[in-house]
PDB file of N, CA and C in Angstrom:
ATOM      1  N   MET A   1      54.750 135.607 117.935  1.00  0.00           N
ATOM      2  CA  MET A   1      55.224 136.060 117.068  1.00  0.00           C
ATOM      3  C   MET A   1      54.203 136.974 116.251  1.00  0.00           C
ATOM      4  N   SER A   2      54.511 138.375 115.883  1.00  0.00           N
ATOM      5  CA  SER A   2      53.416 138.895 115.048  1.00  0.00           C
ATOM      6  C   SER A   2      53.650 138.979 113.595  1.00  0.00           C
ATOM      7  N   ALA A   3      52.521 139.003 112.707  1.00  0.00           N
ATOM      8  CA  ALA A   3      53.073 139.247 111.231  1.00  0.00           C
ATOM      9  C   ALA A   3      52.714 140.729 110.839  1.00  0.00           C
ATOM     10  N   MET A   4      53.382 140.746 109.947  1.00  0.00           N
ATOM     11  CA  MET A   4      53.237 142.612 109.284  1.00  0.00           C
ATOM     12  C   MET A   4      53.341 142.470 107.855  1.00  0.00           C
ATOM     13  N   SER A   5      52.959 142.937 107.141  1.00  0.00           N
ATOM     14  CA  SER A   5      52.632 142.961 105.796  1.00  0.00           C
ATOM     15  C   SER A   5      53.145 144.678 105.346  1.00  0.00           C
ATOM     16  N   ILE A   6      54.348 144.437 104.423  1.00  0.00           N
ATOM     17  CA  ILE A   6      54.805 145.844 104.012  1.00  0.00           C
ATOM     18  C   ILE A   6      54.667 145.942 102.620  1.00  0.00           C
ATOM     19  N   ARG A   7      54.351 147.247 101.982  1.00  0.00           N
ATOM     20  CA  ARG A   7      54.583 147.543 100.573  1.00  0.00           C
ATOM     21  C   ARG A   7      56.101 147.927 100.387  1.00  0.00           C
ATOM     22  N   LEU A   8      56.785 147.508  99.766  1.00  0.00           N
ATOM     23  CA  LEU A   8      57.953 147.804  99.420  1.00  0.00           C
ATOM     24  C   LEU A   8      58.074 148.035  97.708  1.00  0.00           C
ATOM     25  N   PRO A   9      58.936 149.056  97.156  1.00  0.00           N
ATOM     26  CA  PRO A   9      59.122 149.090  95.778  1.00  0.00           C
ATOM     27  C   PRO A   9      60.056 147.802  95.278  1.00  0.00           C
ATOM     28  N   THR A  10      59.585 147.584  93.957  1.00  0.00           N
ATOM     29  CA  THR A  10      60.184 146.209  93.481  1.00  0.00           C
ATOM     30  C   THR A  10      61.545 146.177  93.516  1.00  0.00           C
ATOM     31  N   SER A  11      62.270 147.651  93.285  1.00  0.00           N
ATOM     32  CA  SER A  11      63.567 147.851  93.560  1.00  0.00           C
ATOM     33  C   SER A  11      64.397 147.581  94.775  1.00  0.00           C
ATOM     34  N   LEU A  12      63.509 147.837  95.662  1.00  0.00           N
ATOM     35  CA  LEU A  12      64.155 147.506  97.216  1.00  0.00           C
ATOM     36  C   LEU A  12      63.940 146.354  97.529  1.00  0.00           C
ATOM     37  N   HIS A  13      62.721 145.458  97.102  1.00  0.00           N
ATOM     38  CA  HIS A  13      62.449 144.206  97.415  1.00  0.00           C
ATOM     39  C   HIS A  13      63.777 143.345  96.792  1.00  0.00           C
ATOM     40  N   ASP A  14      64.041 143.694  95.420  1.00  0.00           N
ATOM     41  CA  ASP A  14      65.205 142.910  95.077  1.00  0.00           C
ATOM     42  C   ASP A  14      66.463 143.024  95.276  1.00  0.00           C
ATOM     43  N   HIS A  15      66.636 144.185  95.972  1.00  0.00           N
ATOM     44  CA  HIS A  15      68.083 144.329  97.011  1.00  0.00           C
ATOM     45  C   HIS A  15      67.968 143.577  98.444  1.00  0.00           C
ATOM     46  N   VAL A  16      66.571 143.757  98.819  1.00  0.00           N
ATOM     47  CA  VAL A  16      66.905 143.183 100.206  1.00  0.00           C
ATOM     48  C   VAL A  16      66.755 141.525  99.832  1.00  0.00           C
ATOM     49  N   ARG A  17      66.274 140.766  99.059  1.00  0.00           N
ATOM     50  CA  ARG A  17      66.151 139.610  98.469  1.00  0.00           C
ATOM     51  C   ARG A  17      67.897 139.290  98.164  1.00  0.00           C
ATOM     52  N   GLU A  18      68.628 140.039  97.583  1.00  0.00           N
ATOM     53  CA  GLU A  18      69.831 139.644  97.222  1.00  0.00           C
ATOM     54  C   GLU A  18      70.528 139.844  98.385  1.00  0.00           C
ATOM     55  N   LEU A  19      70.605 140.896  99.177  1.00  0.00           N
ATOM     56  CA  LEU A  19      71.385 141.100 100.186  1.00  0.00           C
ATOM     57  C   LEU A  19      70.902 139.816 101.555  1.00  0.00           C
ATOM     58  N   ALA A  20      69.780 139.295 101.611  1.00  0.00           N
ATOM     59  CA  ALA A  20      69.459 138.382 102.325  1.00  0.00           C
ATOM     60  C   ALA A  20      70.064 137.068 102.069  1.00  0.00           C
ATOM     61  N   GLU A  21      70.030 136.565 100.900  1.00  0.00           N
ATOM     62  CA  GLU A  21      70.393 135.532 100.107  1.00  0.00           C
ATOM     63  C   GLU A  21      72.087 135.483 100.303  1.00  0.00           C
ATOM     64  N   LYS A  22      72.969 136.744  99.993  1.00  0.00           N
ATOM     65  CA  LYS A  22      74.500 136.869 100.400  1.00  0.00           C
ATOM     66  C   LYS A  22      74.636 136.554 101.449  1.00  0.00           C
ATOM     67  N   GLU A  23      73.774 136.750 102.696  1.00  0.00           N
ATOM     68  CA  GLU A  23      74.026 136.895 104.108  1.00  0.00           C
ATOM     69  C   GLU A  23      73.498 135.483 104.517  1.00  0.00           C
ATOM     70  N   GLY A  24      72.769 134.654 103.742  1.00  0.00           N
ATOM     71  CA  GLY A  24      72.400 133.088 104.276  1.00  0.00           C
ATOM     72  C   GLY A  24      71.441 133.457 105.475  1.00  0.00           C
ATOM     73  N   ILE A  25      70.281 134.222 105.141  1.00  0.00           N
ATOM     74  CA  ILE A  25      69.497 134.407 106.063  1.00  0.00           C
ATOM     75  C   ILE A  25      67.774 134.656 105.371  1.00  0.00           C
ATOM     76  N   SER A  26      67.208 134.636 106.008  1.00  0.00           N
ATOM     77  CA  SER A  26      65.877 134.925 105.309  1.00  0.00           C
ATOM     78  C   SER A  26      65.415 136.466 105.299  1.00  0.00           C
ATOM     79  N   ILE A  27      64.532 136.835 104.346  1.00  0.00           N
ATOM     80  CA  ILE A  27      64.303 138.332 104.300  1.00  0.00           C
ATOM     81  C   ILE A  27      63.590 138.544 105.449  1.00  0.00           C
ATOM     82  N   ASN A  28      62.813 138.002 105.927  1.00  0.00           N
ATOM     83  CA  ASN A  28      62.209 138.308 107.103  1.00  0.00           C
ATOM     84  C   ASN A  28      63.269 138.528 108.762  1.00  0.00           C
ATOM     85  N   GLN A  29      64.230 137.813 108.468  1.00  0.00           N
ATOM     86  CA  GLN A  29      65.242 137.961 109.383  1.00  0.00           C
ATOM     87  C   GLN A  29      65.977 139.089 109.401  1.00  0.00           C
ATOM     88  N   LEU A  30      66.110 139.436 108.439  1.00  0.00           N
ATOM     89  CA  LEU A  30      66.922 140.788 107.585  1.00  0.00           C
ATOM     90  C   LEU A  30      66.305 141.974 107.906  1.00  0.00           C
ATOM     91  N   VAL A  31      64.903 142.039 107.630  1.00  0.00           N
ATOM     92  CA  VAL A  31      64.198 143.352 107.931  1.00  0.00           C
ATOM     93  C   VAL A  31      64.043 143.178 109.391  1.00  0.00           C
ATOM     94  N   ALA A  32      63.805 142.293 110.209  1.00  0.00           N
ATOM     95  CA  ALA A  32      63.635 142.307 111.916  1.00  0.00           C
ATOM     96  C   ALA A  32      65.128 142.837 112.387  1.00  0.00           C
ATOM     97  N   THR A  33      66.122 142.240 111.643  1.00  0.00           N
ATOM     98  CA  THR A  33      67.427 142.880 112.574  1.00  0.00           C
ATOM     99  C   THR A  33      67.372 144.195 111.841  1.00  0.00           C
ATOM    100  N   ALA A  34      67.505 144.639 110.590  1.00  0.00           N
ATOM    101  CA  ALA A  34      67.396 145.954 110.397  1.00  0.00           C
ATOM    102  C   ALA A  34      66.448 146.830 111.198  1.00  0.00           C
ATOM    103  N   LEU A  35      65.340 146.383 111.433  1.00  0.00           N
ATOM    104  CA  LEU A  35      64.110 147.521 112.197  1.00  0.00           C
ATOM    105  C   LEU A  35      64.959 147.586 113.496  1.00  0.00           C
ATOM    106  N   ALA A  36      65.650 146.567 114.404  1.00  0.00           N
ATOM    107  CA  ALA A  36      66.110 146.481 115.573  1.00  0.00           C
ATOM    108  C   ALA A  36      67.040 147.572 115.738  1.00  0.00           C
ATOM    109  N   GLU A  37      67.951 147.136 114.836  1.00  0.00           N
ATOM    110  CA  GLU A  37      69.122 148.137 114.948  1.00  0.00           C
ATOM    111  C   GLU A  37      68.692 149.834 114.468  1.00  0.00           C
ATOM    112  N   LYS A  38      67.646 150.244 113.862  1.00  0.00           N
ATOM    113  CA  LYS A  38      67.289 151.218 113.639  1.00  0.00           C
ATOM    114  C   LYS A  38      66.660 151.943 114.908  1.00  0.00           C
ATOM    115  N   MET A  39      65.774 150.982 115.636  1.00  0.00           N
ATOM    116  CA  MET A  39      64.993 151.420 116.823  1.00  0.00           C
ATOM    117  C   MET A  39      66.113 151.527 118.005  1.00  0.00           C
ATOM    118  N   SER A  40      67.304 150.874 117.881  1.00  0.00           N
ATOM    119  CA  SER A  40      68.320 150.692 119.183  1.00  0.00           C
ATOM    120  C   SER A  40      68.948 152.102 118.560  1.00  0.00           C
ATOM    121  N   ALA A  41      69.096 152.724 117.444  1.00  0.00           N
ATOM    122  CA  ALA A  41      69.705 153.699 117.002  1.00  0.00           C
ATOM    123  C   ALA A  41      68.992 155.159 117.420  1.00  0.00           C
ATOM    124  N   LEU A  42      67.579 154.984 117.316  1.00  0.00           N
ATOM    125  CA  LEU A  42      66.922 156.160 117.343  1.00  0.00           C
ATOM    126  C   LEU A  42      66.627 156.136 119.449  1.00  0.00           C
ATOM    127  N   MET A  43      66.719 154.906 119.827  1.00  0.00           N
ATOM    128  CA  MET A  43      66.550 155.093 121.568  1.00  0.00           C
ATOM    129  C   MET A  43      67.807 155.439 121.947  1.00  0.00           C
ATOM    130  N   THR A  44      68.708 155.402 121.260  1.00  0.00           N
ATOM    131  CA  THR A  44      70.394 155.903 122.071  1.00  0.00           C
ATOM    132  C   THR A  44      70.436 157.232 121.891  1.00  0.00           C
ATOM    133  N   VAL A  45      69.672 157.845 121.111  1.00  0.00           N
ATOM    134  CA  VAL A  45      69.731 159.316 120.477  1.00  0.00           C
ATOM    135  C   VAL A  45      69.036 159.911 121.757  1.00  0.00           C
ATOM    136  N   GLU A  46      67.816 159.328 121.968  1.00  0.00           N
ATOM    137  CA  GLU A  46      66.973 159.637 123.150  1.00  0.00           C
ATOM    138  C   GLU A  46      67.421 159.585 124.665  1.00  0.00           C
ATOM    139  N   VAL A  47      68.462 158.464 125.069  1.00  0.00           N
ATOM    140  CA  VAL A  47      69.152 158.421 125.738  1.00  0.00           C
ATOM    141  C   VAL A  47      69.932 159.492 126.144  1.00  0.00           C
ATOM    142  N   LEU A  48      70.957 159.691 125.202  1.00  0.00           N
ATOM    143  CA  LEU A  48      71.989 160.552 124.968  1.00  0.00           C
ATOM    144  C   LEU A  48      71.430 162.052 125.509  1.00  0.00           C
ATOM    145  N   GLU A  49      70.515 162.302 124.736  1.00  0.00           N
ATOM    146  CA  GLU A  49      69.529 163.545 125.004  1.00  0.00           C
ATOM    147  C   GLU A  49      68.879 163.893 126.397  1.00  0.00           C
ATOM    148  N   ALA A  50      68.439 162.924 126.853  1.00  0.00           N
ATOM    149  CA  ALA A  50      68.302 163.129 128.188  1.00  0.00           C
ATOM    150  C   ALA A  50      69.431 163.217 129.183  1.00  0.00           C
ATOM    151  N   ARG A  51      70.255 162.463 129.133  1.00  0.00           N
ATOM    152  CA  ARG A  51      71.628 162.786 129.828  1.00  0.00           C
ATOM    153  C   ARG A  51      72.222 164.271 129.715  1.00  0.00           C
ATOM    154  N   ALA A  52      72.253 164.552 128.075  1.00  0.00           N
ATOM    155  CA  ALA A  52      72.662 165.793 128.198  1.00  0.00           C
ATOM    156  C   ALA A  52      71.598 166.967 128.714  1.00  0.00           C
ATOM    157  N   ARG A  53      70.752 166.934 128.935  1.00  0.00           N
ATOM    158  CA  ARG A  53      69.597 167.738 129.529  1.00  0.00           C
ATOM    159  C   ARG A  53      69.938 167.765 131.363  1.00  0.00           C
ATOM    160  N   ARG A  54      70.678 166.802 131.731  1.00  0.00           N
ATOM    161  CA  ARG A  54      70.865 166.771 133.027  1.00  0.00           C
ATOM    162  C   ARG A  54      72.129 167.200 133.183  1.00  0.00           C
ATOM    163  N   GLY A  55      72.921 167.553 132.152  1.00  0.00           N
ATOM    164  CA  GLY A  55      74.508 168.282 132.445  1.00  0.00           C
ATOM    165  C   GLY A  55      74.243 169.519 132.935  1.00  0.00           C
ATOM    166  N   ASP A  56      75.484 169.980 133.719  1.00  0.00           N
ATOM    167  CA  ASP A  56      75.573 171.036 134.537  1.00  0.00           C
ATOM    168  C   ASP A  56      77.011 171.653 133.925  1.00  0.00           C
ATOM    169  N   ARG A  57      76.942 172.457 133.463  1.00  0.00           N
ATOM    170  CA  ARG A  57      78.277 173.518 132.784  1.00  0.00           C
ATOM    171  C   ARG A  57      79.210 173.514 133.693  1.00  0.00           C
ATOM    172  N   ALA A  58      78.540 174.278 135.149  1.00  0.00           N
ATOM    173  CA  ALA A  58      79.500 174.821 136.019  1.00  0.00           C
ATOM    174  C   ALA A  58      80.137 173.626 136.777  1.00  0.00           C
ATOM    175  N   LYS A  59      79.483 172.565 136.906  1.00  0.00           N
ATOM    176  CA  LYS A  59      80.172 171.293 137.489  1.00  0.00           C
ATOM    177  C   LYS A  59      81.194 170.681 136.241  1.00  0.00           C
ATOM    178  N   PHE A  60      80.869 170.394 134.978  1.00  0.00           N
ATOM    179  CA  PHE A  60      81.953 170.220 134.072  1.00  0.00           C
ATOM    180  C   PHE A  60      83.153 171.385 133.900  1.00  0.00           C
ATOM    181  N   LEU A  61      82.992 172.544 134.132  1.00  0.00           N
ATOM    182  CA  LEU A  61      84.078 173.536 134.180  1.00  0.00           C
ATOM    183  C   LEU A  61      84.848 173.232 135.374  1.00  0.00           C
ATOM    184  N   ALA A  62      84.374 172.945 136.408  1.00  0.00           N
ATOM    185  CA  ALA A  62      84.987 172.661 137.806  1.00  0.00           C
ATOM    186  C   ALA A  62      85.736 171.397 137.632  1.00  0.00           C
ATOM    187  N   ALA A  63      85.432 170.486 136.743  1.00  0.00           N
ATOM    188  CA  ALA A  63      86.069 169.196 136.808  1.00  0.00           C
ATOM    189  C   ALA A  63      87.349 169.343 135.913  1.00  0.00           C
ATOM    190  N   LEU A  64      86.987 170.158 134.698  1.00  0.00           N
ATOM    191  CA  LEU A  64      87.803 170.356 133.823  1.00  0.00           C
ATOM    192  C   LEU A  64      89.198 171.122 134.384  1.00  0.00           C
ATOM    193  N   ALA A  65      88.926 171.846 135.508  1.00  0.00           N
ATOM    194  CA  ALA A  65      89.810 173.038 135.942  1.00  0.00           C
ATOM    195  C   ALA A  65      90.670 172.031 136.894  1.00  0.00           C
ATOM    196  N   LYS A  66      90.544 170.939 137.370  1.00  0.00           N
ATOM    197  CA  LYS A  66      91.352 170.240 137.612  1.00  0.00           C
ATOM    198  C   LYS A  66      92.314 169.367 137.188  1.00  0.00           C
ATOM    199  N   VAL A  67      92.237 169.590 135.985  1.00  0.00           N
ATOM    200  CA  VAL A  67      93.072 168.970 134.829  1.00  0.00           C
ATOM    201  C   VAL A  67      94.185 169.542 134.775  1.00  0.00           C
ATOM    202  N   PRO A  68      95.481 169.070 135.321  1.00  0.00           N
ATOM    203  CA  PRO A  68      96.705 169.604 135.465  1.00  0.00           C
ATOM    204  C   PRO A  68      96.896 169.921 133.770  1.00  0.00           C
ATOM    205  N   ASP A  69      97.606 171.536 133.651  1.00  0.00           N
ATOM    206  CA  ASP A  69      98.037 171.943 132.491  1.00  0.00           C
ATOM    207  C   ASP A  69      99.363 171.538 132.241  1.00  0.00           C
ATOM    208  N   VAL A  70      99.705 170.783 131.522  1.00  0.00           N
ATOM    209  CA  VAL A  70     100.983 169.974 131.148  1.00  0.00           C
ATOM    210  C   VAL A  70     100.824 169.558 129.695  1.00  0.00           C
ATOM    211  N   PRO A  71     101.943 169.705 129.073  1.00  0.00           N
ATOM    212  CA  PRO A  71     102.099 169.173 127.680  1.00  0.00           C
ATOM    213  C   PRO A  71     101.683 167.707 127.437  1.00  0.00           C
ATOM    214  N   PRO A  72     101.079 167.373 126.439  1.00  0.00           N
ATOM    215  CA  PRO A  72     100.383 166.044 126.156  1.00  0.00           C
ATOM    216  C   PRO A  72     101.833 165.088 126.173  1.00  0.00           C
ATOM    217  N   ASP A  73     101.251 163.824 126.443  1.00  0.00           N
ATOM    218  CA  ASP A  73     102.584 162.657 126.365  1.00  0.00           C
ATOM    219  C   ASP A  73     102.810 162.887 124.565  1.00  0.00           C
ATOM    220  N   GLU A  74     104.161 162.205 124.557  1.00  0.00           N
ATOM    221  CA  GLU A  74     104.653 162.004 123.111  1.00  0.00           C
ATOM    222  C   GLU A  74     103.635 160.878 122.412  1.00  0.00           C
ATOM    223  N   GLY A  75     103.227 161.525 121.087  1.00  0.00           N
ATOM    224  CA  GLY A  75     102.348 160.834 120.208  1.00  0.00           C
ATOM    225  C   GLY A  75     100.954 161.184 120.670  1.00  0.00           C
ATOM    226  N   ASP A  76     100.717 161.965 121.802  1.00  0.00           N
ATOM    227  CA  ASP A  76      99.230 162.494 121.779  1.00  0.00           C
ATOM    228  C   ASP A  76      98.883 163.633 121.468  1.00  0.00           C
ATOM    229  N   GLU A  77      99.872 164.337 120.804  1.00  0.00           N
ATOM    230  CA  GLU A  77     100.095 165.696 120.437  1.00  0.00           C
ATOM    231  C   GLU A  77      98.609 165.854 119.748  1.00  0.00           C
TER     232      GLU A  77
END
C-alpha cells in the first residue's frame, strides 16, 4: 500500500473527520472510497463515450423501424 500526503482546507478536513466518525470508518478509508468512486465515474464516462463513437445511426434507425406502431400498454402512456 502507498502513502500519500494531501493538503486540505481546515473546513474540509473537519467535515471529512465528522463524516468518517459518523460512518464509523477512518478518514483514510473515507478518502480512499471517495477517490475510488470518483475514478469509477470518470472511467464510466470514457467507456460510454467510446461505445457512442462505435454507434451507427442507420443501424439504430433500422432497428427502430422494426418496432410495431401500436399504442402503449395501459399505464405506460
